Amino acid sequence: KYKVPVFCGEWGSYKKYADAASRCRYTTAIKGL
């Protein structure tokens, strides 16, 4: 509509509250999308 690019500036998962397996699933899902 506005002829501008989309950029996802910052994403990730916080180690303090998510275990490694959850972080991997999240990374896989978001990066894939």
ModelCIF file with pLDDT and N, C-alpha, C, O atoms, coordinates in Angstrom:
data_MODEL
#
_entry.id   MODEL 
#
_entity.id                         1 
_entity.type                       polymer 
_entity.pdbx_number_of_molecules   1 
#
_entity_poly.entity_id                      1 
_entity_poly.type                           'polypeptide(L)' 
_entity_poly.nstd_linkage                   no 
_entity_poly.nstd_monomer                   no 
_entity_poly.pdbx_seq_one_letter_code       KYKVPVFCGEWGSYKKYADAASRCRYTTAIKGL 
_entity_poly.pdbx_seq_one_letter_code_can   KYKVPVFCGEWGSYKKYADAASRCRYTTAIKGL 
_entity_poly.pdbx_strand_id                 A 
#
loop_
_entity_poly_seq.entity_id 
_entity_poly_seq.num 
_entity_poly_seq.mon_id 
_entity_poly_seq.hetero 
1 1  LYS n 
1 2  TYR n 
1 3  LYS n 
1 4  VAL n 
1 5  PRO n 
1 6  VAL n 
1 7  PHE n 
1 8  CYS n 
1 9  GLY n 
1 10 GLU n 
1 11 TRP n 
1 12 GLY n 
1 13 SER n 
1 14 TYR n 
1 15 LYS n 
1 16 LYS n 
1 17 TYR n 
1 18 ALA n 
1 19 ASP n 
1 20 ALA n 
1 21 ALA n 
1 22 SER n 
1 23 ARG n 
1 24 CYS n 
1 25 ARG n 
1 26 TYR n 
1 27 THR n 
1 28 THR n 
1 29 ALA n 
1 30 ILE n 
1 31 LYS n 
1 32 GLY n 
1 33 LEU n 
#
_struct_asym.id          A 
_struct_asym.entity_id   1 
#
loop_
_ma_qa_metric.id 
_ma_qa_metric.mode 
_ma_qa_metric.name 
_ma_qa_metric.software_group_id 
_ma_qa_metric.type 
1 global pLDDT . pLDDT 
2 local  pLDDT . pLDDT 
#
_ma_qa_metric_global.metric_id      1 
_ma_qa_metric_global.metric_value   91.70 
_ma_qa_metric_global.model_id       1 
_ma_qa_metric_global.ordinal_id     1 
#
loop_
_ma_qa_metric_local.label_asym_id 
_ma_qa_metric_local.label_comp_id 
_ma_qa_metric_local.label_seq_id 
_ma_qa_metric_local.metric_id 
_ma_qa_metric_local.metric_value 
_ma_qa_metric_local.model_id 
_ma_qa_metric_local.ordinal_id 
A LYS 1  2 94.00 1 1  
A TYR 2  2 95.00 1 2  
A LYS 3  2 94.00 1 3  
A VAL 4  2 94.00 1 4  
A PRO 5  2 93.00 1 5  
A VAL 6  2 93.00 1 6  
A PHE 7  2 95.00 1 7  
A CYS 8  2 94.00 1 8  
A GLY 9  2 88.00 1 9  
A GLU 10 2 88.00 1 10 
A TRP 11 2 90.00 1 11 
A GLY 12 2 88.00 1 12 
A SER 13 2 89.00 1 13 
A TYR 14 2 89.00 1 14 
A LYS 15 2 86.00 1 15 
A LYS 16 2 87.00 1 16 
A TYR 17 2 89.00 1 17 
A ALA 18 2 88.00 1 18 
A ASP 19 2 88.00 1 19 
A ALA 20 2 87.00 1 20 
A ALA 21 2 91.00 1 21 
A SER 22 2 92.00 1 22 
A ARG 23 2 91.00 1 23 
A CYS 24 2 91.00 1 24 
A ARG 25 2 94.00 1 25 
A TYR 26 2 93.00 1 26 
A THR 27 2 93.00 1 27 
A THR 28 2 95.00 1 28 
A ALA 29 2 96.00 1 29 
A ILE 30 2 95.00 1 30 
A LYS 31 2 95.00 1 31 
A GLY 32 2 95.00 1 32 
A LEU 33 2 96.00 1 33 
#
loop_
_atom_site.group_PDB 
_atom_site.id 
_atom_site.type_symbol 
_atom_site.label_atom_id 
_atom_site.label_alt_id 
_atom_site.label_comp_id 
_atom_site.label_asym_id 
_atom_site.label_entity_id 
_atom_site.label_seq_id 
_atom_site.pdbx_PDB_ins_code 
_atom_site.Cartn_x 
_atom_site.Cartn_y 
_atom_site.Cartn_z 
_atom_site.occupancy 
_atom_site.B_iso_or_equiv 
_atom_site.pdbx_formal_charge 
_atom_site.auth_seq_id 
_atom_site.auth_comp_id 
_atom_site.auth_asym_id 
_atom_site.auth_atom_id 
_atom_site.pdbx_PDB_model_num 
ATOM 1   N N  . LYS A 1 1  ? 0.818  -1.209  0.000  1.00 94.00 ? 1  LYS A N  1 
ATOM 2   C CA . LYS A 1 1  ? 0.000  0.000   0.000  1.00 94.00 ? 1  LYS A CA 1 
ATOM 3   C C  . LYS A 1 1  ? 0.855  1.264   0.000  1.00 94.00 ? 1  LYS A C  1 
ATOM 4   O O  . LYS A 1 1  ? 0.581  2.210   -0.738 1.00 94.00 ? 1  LYS A O  1 
ATOM 5   N N  . TYR A 1 2  ? 1.896  1.269   0.838  1.00 95.00 ? 2  TYR A N  1 
ATOM 6   C CA . TYR A 1 2  ? 2.719  2.468   0.985  1.00 95.00 ? 2  TYR A CA 1 
ATOM 7   C C  . TYR A 1 2  ? 4.057  2.400   0.248  1.00 95.00 ? 2  TYR A C  1 
ATOM 8   O O  . TYR A 1 2  ? 4.873  3.318   0.326  1.00 95.00 ? 2  TYR A O  1 
ATOM 9   N N  . LYS A 1 3  ? 4.263  1.301   -0.462 1.00 94.00 ? 3  LYS A N  1 
ATOM 10  C CA . LYS A 1 3  ? 5.470  1.128   -1.272 1.00 94.00 ? 3  LYS A CA 1 
ATOM 11  C C  . LYS A 1 3  ? 6.759  1.284   -0.449 1.00 94.00 ? 3  LYS A C  1 
ATOM 12  O O  . LYS A 1 3  ? 7.692  1.983   -0.845 1.00 94.00 ? 3  LYS A O  1 
ATOM 13  N N  . VAL A 1 4  ? 6.777  0.609   0.705  1.00 94.00 ? 4  VAL A N  1 
ATOM 14  C CA . VAL A 1 4  ? 7.952  0.621   1.573  1.00 94.00 ? 4  VAL A CA 1 
ATOM 15  C C  . VAL A 1 4  ? 8.320  -0.830  1.917  1.00 94.00 ? 4  VAL A C  1 
ATOM 16  O O  . VAL A 1 4  ? 7.444  -1.691  2.003  1.00 94.00 ? 4  VAL A O  1 
ATOM 17  N N  . PRO A 1 5  ? 9.602  -1.091  2.110  1.00 93.00 ? 5  PRO A N  1 
ATOM 18  C CA . PRO A 1 5  ? 10.005 -2.450  2.471  1.00 93.00 ? 5  PRO A CA 1 
ATOM 19  C C  . PRO A 1 5  ? 9.675  -2.757  3.933  1.00 93.00 ? 5  PRO A C  1 
ATOM 20  O O  . PRO A 1 5  ? 9.552  -1.855  4.763  1.00 93.00 ? 5  PRO A O  1 
ATOM 21  N N  . VAL A 1 6  ? 9.538  -4.034  4.222  1.00 93.00 ? 6  VAL A N  1 
ATOM 22  C CA . VAL A 1 6  ? 9.333  -4.493  5.594  1.00 93.00 ? 6  VAL A CA 1 
ATOM 23  C C  . VAL A 1 6  ? 10.655 -5.059  6.083  1.00 93.00 ? 6  VAL A C  1 
ATOM 24  O O  . VAL A 1 6  ? 11.337 -5.777  5.351  1.00 93.00 ? 6  VAL A O  1 
ATOM 25  N N  . PHE A 1 7  ? 11.016 -4.741  7.308  1.00 95.00 ? 7  PHE A N  1 
ATOM 26  C CA . PHE A 1 7  ? 12.231 -5.252  7.922  1.00 95.00 ? 7  PHE A CA 1 
ATOM 27  C C  . PHE A 1 7  ? 11.919 -5.610  9.369  1.00 95.00 ? 7  PHE A C  1 
ATOM 28  O O  . PHE A 1 7  ? 11.369 -4.789  10.102 1.00 95.00 ? 7  PHE A O  1 
ATOM 29  N N  . CYS A 1 8  ? 12.257 -6.808  9.783  1.00 94.00 ? 8  CYS A N  1 
ATOM 30  C CA . CYS A 1 8  ? 12.087 -7.228  11.174 1.00 94.00 ? 8  CYS A CA 1 
ATOM 31  C C  . CYS A 1 8  ? 13.380 -6.890  11.897 1.00 94.00 ? 8  CYS A C  1 
ATOM 32  O O  . CYS A 1 8  ? 14.365 -7.624  11.807 1.00 94.00 ? 8  CYS A O  1 
ATOM 33  N N  . GLY A 1 9  ? 13.370 -5.792  12.603 1.00 88.00 ? 9  GLY A N  1 
ATOM 34  C CA . GLY A 1 9  ? 14.586 -5.223  13.156 1.00 88.00 ? 9  GLY A CA 1 
ATOM 35  C C  . GLY A 1 9  ? 15.299 -6.028  14.218 1.00 88.00 ? 9  GLY A C  1 
ATOM 36  O O  . GLY A 1 9  ? 16.521 -6.160  14.156 1.00 88.00 ? 9  GLY A O  1 
ATOM 37  N N  . GLU A 1 10 ? 14.602 -6.562  15.174 1.00 88.00 ? 10 GLU A N  1 
ATOM 38  C CA . GLU A 1 10 ? 15.273 -7.289  16.250 1.00 88.00 ? 10 GLU A CA 1 
ATOM 39  C C  . GLU A 1 10 ? 14.357 -8.386  16.752 1.00 88.00 ? 10 GLU A C  1 
ATOM 40  O O  . GLU A 1 10 ? 13.199 -8.139  17.091 1.00 88.00 ? 10 GLU A O  1 
ATOM 41  N N  . TRP A 1 11 ? 14.876 -9.587  16.797 1.00 90.00 ? 11 TRP A N  1 
ATOM 42  C CA . TRP A 1 11 ? 14.113 -10.691 17.374 1.00 90.00 ? 11 TRP A CA 1 
ATOM 43  C C  . TRP A 1 11 ? 15.085 -11.689 17.985 1.00 90.00 ? 11 TRP A C  1 
ATOM 44  O O  . TRP A 1 11 ? 16.260 -11.726 17.620 1.00 90.00 ? 11 TRP A O  1 
ATOM 45  N N  . GLY A 1 12 ? 14.597 -12.482 18.901 1.00 88.00 ? 12 GLY A N  1 
ATOM 46  C CA . GLY A 1 12 ? 15.413 -13.479 19.572 1.00 88.00 ? 12 GLY A CA 1 
ATOM 47  C C  . GLY A 1 12 ? 14.674 -13.988 20.796 1.00 88.00 ? 12 GLY A C  1 
ATOM 48  O O  . GLY A 1 12 ? 13.515 -13.634 21.010 1.00 88.00 ? 12 GLY A O  1 
ATOM 49  N N  . SER A 1 13 ? 15.318 -14.803 21.592 1.00 89.00 ? 13 SER A N  1 
ATOM 50  C CA . SER A 1 13 ? 14.695 -15.321 22.810 1.00 89.00 ? 13 SER A CA 1 
ATOM 51  C C  . SER A 1 13 ? 15.674 -15.164 23.972 1.00 89.00 ? 13 SER A C  1 
ATOM 52  O O  . SER A 1 13 ? 16.879 -15.371 23.826 1.00 89.00 ? 13 SER A O  1 
ATOM 53  N N  . TYR A 1 14 ? 15.139 -14.801 25.096 1.00 89.00 ? 14 TYR A N  1 
ATOM 54  C CA . TYR A 1 14 ? 15.910 -14.465 26.285 1.00 89.00 ? 14 TYR A CA 1 
ATOM 55  C C  . TYR A 1 14 ? 16.313 -15.738 27.028 1.00 89.00 ? 14 TYR A C  1 
ATOM 56  O O  . TYR A 1 14 ? 15.456 -16.496 27.481 1.00 89.00 ? 14 TYR A O  1 
ATOM 57  N N  . LYS A 1 15 ? 17.607 -15.965 27.149 1.00 86.00 ? 15 LYS A N  1 
ATOM 58  C CA . LYS A 1 15 ? 18.137 -17.186 27.783 1.00 86.00 ? 15 LYS A CA 1 
ATOM 59  C C  . LYS A 1 15 ? 17.647 -17.403 29.209 1.00 86.00 ? 15 LYS A C  1 
ATOM 60  O O  . LYS A 1 15 ? 17.448 -18.540 29.634 1.00 86.00 ? 15 LYS A O  1 
ATOM 61  N N  . LYS A 1 16 ? 17.457 -16.333 29.932 1.00 87.00 ? 16 LYS A N  1 
ATOM 62  C CA . LYS A 1 16 ? 17.101 -16.441 31.350 1.00 87.00 ? 16 LYS A CA 1 
ATOM 63  C C  . LYS A 1 16 ? 15.772 -17.164 31.557 1.00 87.00 ? 16 LYS A C  1 
ATOM 64  O O  . LYS A 1 16 ? 15.594 -17.835 32.574 1.00 87.00 ? 16 LYS A O  1 
ATOM 65  N N  . TYR A 1 17 ? 14.842 -17.043 30.623 1.00 89.00 ? 17 TYR A N  1 
ATOM 66  C CA . TYR A 1 17 ? 13.504 -17.589 30.810 1.00 89.00 ? 17 TYR A CA 1 
ATOM 67  C C  . TYR A 1 17 ? 13.123 -18.703 29.842 1.00 89.00 ? 17 TYR A C  1 
ATOM 68  O O  . TYR A 1 17 ? 11.999 -19.202 29.903 1.00 89.00 ? 17 TYR A O  1 
ATOM 69  N N  . ALA A 1 18 ? 14.012 -19.100 28.964 1.00 88.00 ? 18 ALA A N  1 
ATOM 70  C CA . ALA A 1 18 ? 13.680 -20.158 28.003 1.00 88.00 ? 18 ALA A CA 1 
ATOM 71  C C  . ALA A 1 18 ? 14.828 -21.158 27.926 1.00 88.00 ? 18 ALA A C  1 
ATOM 72  O O  . ALA A 1 18 ? 15.998 -20.781 27.856 1.00 88.00 ? 18 ALA A O  1 
ATOM 73  N N  . ASP A 1 19 ? 14.473 -22.428 27.941 1.00 88.00 ? 19 ASP A N  1 
ATOM 74  C CA . ASP A 1 19 ? 15.515 -23.452 27.838 1.00 88.00 ? 19 ASP A CA 1 
ATOM 75  C C  . ASP A 1 19 ? 16.001 -23.555 26.395 1.00 88.00 ? 19 ASP A C  1 
ATOM 76  O O  . ASP A 1 19 ? 15.390 -22.996 25.485 1.00 88.00 ? 19 ASP A O  1 
ATOM 77  N N  . ALA A 1 20 ? 17.084 -24.260 26.198 1.00 87.00 ? 20 ALA A N  1 
ATOM 78  C CA . ALA A 1 20 ? 17.718 -24.358 24.879 1.00 87.00 ? 20 ALA A CA 1 
ATOM 79  C C  . ALA A 1 20 ? 16.770 -24.931 23.829 1.00 87.00 ? 20 ALA A C  1 
ATOM 80  O O  . ALA A 1 20 ? 16.712 -24.428 22.707 1.00 87.00 ? 20 ALA A O  1 
ATOM 81  N N  . ALA A 1 21 ? 16.031 -25.973 24.182 1.00 91.00 ? 21 ALA A N  1 
ATOM 82  C CA . ALA A 1 21 ? 15.122 -26.596 23.209 1.00 91.00 ? 21 ALA A CA 1 
ATOM 83  C C  . ALA A 1 21 ? 14.030 -25.620 22.770 1.00 91.00 ? 21 ALA A C  1 
ATOM 84  O O  . ALA A 1 21 ? 13.699 -25.551 21.586 1.00 91.00 ? 21 ALA A O  1 
ATOM 85  N N  . SER A 1 22 ? 13.473 -24.872 23.713 1.00 92.00 ? 22 SER A N  1 
ATOM 86  C CA . SER A 1 22 ? 12.444 -23.880 23.379 1.00 92.00 ? 22 SER A CA 1 
ATOM 87  C C  . SER A 1 22 ? 13.010 -22.780 22.499 1.00 92.00 ? 22 SER A C  1 
ATOM 88  O O  . SER A 1 22 ? 12.362 -22.330 21.554 1.00 92.00 ? 22 SER A O  1 
ATOM 89  N N  . ARG A 1 23 ? 14.219 -22.354 22.816 1.00 91.00 ? 23 ARG A N  1 
ATOM 90  C CA . ARG A 1 23 ? 14.858 -21.297 22.035 1.00 91.00 ? 23 ARG A CA 1 
ATOM 91  C C  . ARG A 1 23 ? 15.118 -21.770 20.605 1.00 91.00 ? 23 ARG A C  1 
ATOM 92  O O  . ARG A 1 23 ? 14.969 -21.002 19.654 1.00 91.00 ? 23 ARG A O  1 
ATOM 93  N N  . CYS A 1 24 ? 15.504 -23.024 20.460 1.00 91.00 ? 24 CYS A N  1 
ATOM 94  C CA . CYS A 1 24 ? 15.741 -23.577 19.124 1.00 91.00 ? 24 CYS A CA 1 
ATOM 95  C C  . CYS A 1 24 ? 14.441 -23.649 18.329 1.00 91.00 ? 24 CYS A C  1 
ATOM 96  O O  . CYS A 1 24 ? 14.415 -23.298 17.150 1.00 91.00 ? 24 CYS A O  1 
ATOM 97  N N  . ARG A 1 25 ? 13.367 -24.100 18.966 1.00 94.00 ? 25 ARG A N  1 
ATOM 98  C CA . ARG A 1 25 ? 12.065 -24.172 18.270 1.00 94.00 ? 25 ARG A CA 1 
ATOM 99  C C  . ARG A 1 25 ? 11.607 -22.781 17.849 1.00 94.00 ? 25 ARG A C  1 
ATOM 100 O O  . ARG A 1 25 ? 11.131 -22.591 16.730 1.00 94.00 ? 25 ARG A O  1 
ATOM 101 N N  . TYR A 1 26 ? 11.752 -21.818 18.740 1.00 93.00 ? 26 TYR A N  1 
ATOM 102 C CA . TYR A 1 26 ? 11.357 -20.448 18.439 1.00 93.00 ? 26 TYR A CA 1 
ATOM 103 C C  . TYR A 1 26 ? 12.182 -19.899 17.267 1.00 93.00 ? 26 TYR A C  1 
ATOM 104 O O  . TYR A 1 26 ? 11.631 -19.324 16.329 1.00 93.00 ? 26 TYR A O  1 
ATOM 105 N N  . THR A 1 27 ? 13.478 -20.078 17.331 1.00 93.00 ? 27 THR A N  1 
ATOM 106 C CA . THR A 1 27 ? 14.362 -19.593 16.269 1.00 93.00 ? 27 THR A CA 1 
ATOM 107 C C  . THR A 1 27 ? 14.005 -20.231 14.933 1.00 93.00 ? 27 THR A C  1 
ATOM 108 O O  . THR A 1 27 ? 13.938 -19.548 13.911 1.00 93.00 ? 27 THR A O  1 
ATOM 109 N N  . THR A 1 28 ? 13.779 -21.525 14.943 1.00 95.00 ? 28 THR A N  1 
ATOM 110 C CA . THR A 1 28 ? 13.403 -22.238 13.717 1.00 95.00 ? 28 THR A CA 1 
ATOM 111 C C  . THR A 1 28 ? 12.107 -21.682 13.141 1.00 95.00 ? 28 THR A C  1 
ATOM 112 O O  . THR A 1 28 ? 12.011 -21.434 11.939 1.00 95.00 ? 28 THR A O  1 
ATOM 113 N N  . ALA A 1 29 ? 11.105 -21.484 14.006 1.00 96.00 ? 29 ALA A N  1 
ATOM 114 C CA . ALA A 1 29 ? 9.799  -21.000 13.548 1.00 96.00 ? 29 ALA A CA 1 
ATOM 115 C C  . ALA A 1 29 ? 9.873  -19.579 13.003 1.00 96.00 ? 29 ALA A C  1 
ATOM 116 O O  . ALA A 1 29 ? 9.391  -19.315 11.902 1.00 96.00 ? 29 ALA A O  1 
ATOM 117 N N  . ILE A 1 30 ? 10.463 -18.672 13.750 1.00 95.00 ? 30 ILE A N  1 
ATOM 118 C CA . ILE A 1 30 ? 10.497 -17.266 13.321 1.00 95.00 ? 30 ILE A CA 1 
ATOM 119 C C  . ILE A 1 30 ? 11.374 -17.085 12.093 1.00 95.00 ? 30 ILE A C  1 
ATOM 120 O O  . ILE A 1 30 ? 10.979 -16.404 11.147 1.00 95.00 ? 30 ILE A O  1 
ATOM 121 N N  . LYS A 1 31 ? 12.555 -17.682 12.095 1.00 95.00 ? 31 LYS A N  1 
ATOM 122 C CA . LYS A 1 31 ? 13.436 -17.574 10.934 1.00 95.00 ? 31 LYS A CA 1 
ATOM 123 C C  . LYS A 1 31 ? 12.764 -18.164 9.695  1.00 95.00 ? 31 LYS A C  1 
ATOM 124 O O  . LYS A 1 31 ? 12.848 -17.601 8.603  1.00 95.00 ? 31 LYS A O  1 
ATOM 125 N N  . GLY A 1 32 ? 12.096 -19.305 9.876  1.00 95.00 ? 32 GLY A N  1 
ATOM 126 C CA . GLY A 1 32 ? 11.398 -19.934 8.753  1.00 95.00 ? 32 GLY A CA 1 
ATOM 127 C C  . GLY A 1 32 ? 10.319 -19.042 8.161  1.00 95.00 ? 32 GLY A C  1 
ATOM 128 O O  . GLY A 1 32 ? 10.201 -18.927 6.941  1.00 95.00 ? 32 GLY A O  1 
ATOM 129 N N  . LEU A 1 33 ? 9.532  -18.413 9.024  1.00 96.00 ? 33 LEU A N  1 
ATOM 130 C CA . LEU A 1 33 ? 8.482  -17.507 8.540  1.00 96.00 ? 33 LEU A CA 1 
ATOM 131 C C  . LEU A 1 33 ? 9.056  -16.287 7.838  1.00 96.00 ? 33 LEU A C  1 
ATOM 132 O O  . LEU A 1 33 ? 8.303  -15.430 7.374  1.00 96.00 ? 33 LEU A O  1 
#
